[in-house]
Amino acid sequence: MSRPYYVRMTDTFFSGWGVCAGKKNVMVVICETWEQAEAVRRAACERSEMQRVTIMRTMPRDRAGVLYSVKTFSDLGGSWLDYYQQGVAA
């Protein structure tokens, strides 16, 4: 099995309040293929609350002041899948 892709983005909506009080919320989506990762990246770039969207080959490491919300591609639905067609990045 190949290494996964990680799509990292800062969620400005959830940062700074609730369980993220005093912290930055960073959402990480684990994807099995480049097509999935590129689709998530494109969808995140369409959302005003998501900033610093990056595709990585390693899981971001823990940092002080950051709360990571980790999801898998299969957890996503709705507008997150608008750019995905299996086998092809739209």
Protein backbone atom coordinates (compact mmCIF):
# COMPACT_ATOMS: atom_id res chain seq x y z
CA MET A 1 0.00 0.00 0.00
CA SER A 2 1.33 3.46 -0.86
CA ARG A 3 1.87 6.26 1.60
CA PRO A 4 -1.18 8.44 2.24
CA TYR A 5 -1.50 12.13 1.43
CA TYR A 6 -2.41 14.63 4.15
CA VAL A 7 -4.32 17.80 3.32
CA ARG A 8 -3.60 20.36 6.05
CA MET A 9 -5.61 23.56 6.50
CA THR A 10 -6.13 26.16 9.21
CA ASP A 11 -9.81 26.41 10.14
CA THR A 12 -10.29 30.05 11.14
CA PHE A 13 -13.95 29.48 12.08
CA PHE A 14 -13.23 26.97 14.87
CA SER A 15 -9.93 28.49 16.00
CA GLY A 16 -9.93 30.33 19.32
CA TRP A 17 -13.15 29.15 20.98
CA GLY A 18 -14.76 26.05 22.51
CA VAL A 19 -12.26 23.20 22.74
CA CYS A 20 -9.90 25.42 20.73
CA ALA A 21 -9.95 28.32 23.20
CA GLY A 22 -6.53 29.93 22.99
CA LYS A 23 -5.49 27.57 20.17
CA LYS A 24 -5.44 27.37 16.40
CA ASN A 25 -7.59 24.62 14.86
CA VAL A 26 -5.88 22.76 12.05
CA MET A 27 -7.92 20.26 10.05
CA VAL A 28 -6.06 17.35 8.48
CA VAL A 29 -7.75 15.07 5.95
CA ILE A 30 -6.01 11.74 5.28
CA CYS A 31 -6.36 10.69 1.64
CA GLU A 32 -5.40 7.42 -0.05
CA THR A 33 -4.74 8.91 -3.50
CA TRP A 34 -3.48 12.11 -5.10
CA GLU A 35 -6.90 12.54 -6.75
CA GLN A 36 -8.61 12.55 -3.35
CA ALA A 37 -6.05 14.97 -1.90
CA GLU A 38 -6.32 17.37 -4.84
CA ALA A 39 -10.13 17.30 -4.66
CA VAL A 40 -10.02 18.14 -0.93
CA ARG A 41 -7.46 20.90 -1.56
CA ARG A 42 -9.63 22.48 -4.25
CA ALA A 43 -12.77 22.27 -2.07
CA ALA A 44 -10.92 23.79 0.92
CA CYS A 45 -9.68 26.68 -1.23
CA GLU A 46 -13.32 27.50 -2.04
CA ARG A 47 -14.15 27.86 1.67
CA SER A 48 -13.39 31.27 3.18
CA GLU A 49 -12.73 29.84 6.66
CA MET A 50 -9.95 27.54 5.42
CA GLN A 51 -6.51 29.07 5.04
CA ARG A 52 -2.98 27.80 4.41
CA VAL A 53 -4.20 24.71 2.52
CA THR A 54 -1.35 22.31 1.78
CA ILE A 55 -0.95 18.73 0.55
CA MET A 56 1.76 16.86 2.47
CA ARG A 57 3.22 13.34 2.46
CA THR A 58 3.74 13.24 6.24
CA MET A 59 1.33 13.83 9.08
CA PRO A 60 1.84 17.29 10.63
CA ARG A 61 3.63 17.00 13.95
CA ASP A 62 2.12 18.16 17.22
CA ARG A 63 2.78 21.79 18.08
CA ALA A 64 2.00 23.85 21.14
CA GLY A 65 -1.12 25.98 20.68
CA VAL A 66 -2.52 23.82 17.85
CA LEU A 67 -5.48 21.44 18.04
CA TYR A 68 -5.62 19.00 15.12
CA SER A 69 -8.98 17.78 13.82
CA VAL A 70 -8.13 14.64 11.84
CA LYS A 71 -10.54 13.09 9.36
CA THR A 72 -10.26 10.57 6.55
CA PHE A 73 -11.49 11.17 3.03
CA SER A 74 -14.29 8.64 3.61
CA ASP A 75 -15.53 10.81 6.54
CA LEU A 76 -16.26 13.72 4.19
CA GLY A 77 -19.50 14.48 2.39
CA GLY A 78 -21.36 17.37 0.80
CA SER A 79 -19.35 20.14 -0.84
CA TRP A 80 -16.07 18.47 0.17
CA LEU A 81 -16.66 15.96 -2.63
CA ASP A 82 -17.63 18.43 -5.36
CA TYR A 83 -14.24 18.15 -7.07
CA TYR A 84 -13.81 14.39 -6.74
CA GLN A 85 -14.39 11.78 -9.40
CA GLN A 86 -12.79 8.43 -8.65
CA GLY A 87 -9.65 8.08 -10.73
CA VAL A 88 -9.74 11.70 -11.98
CA ALA A 89 -9.10 15.04 -10.24
CA ALA A 90 -11.69 17.35 -11.82
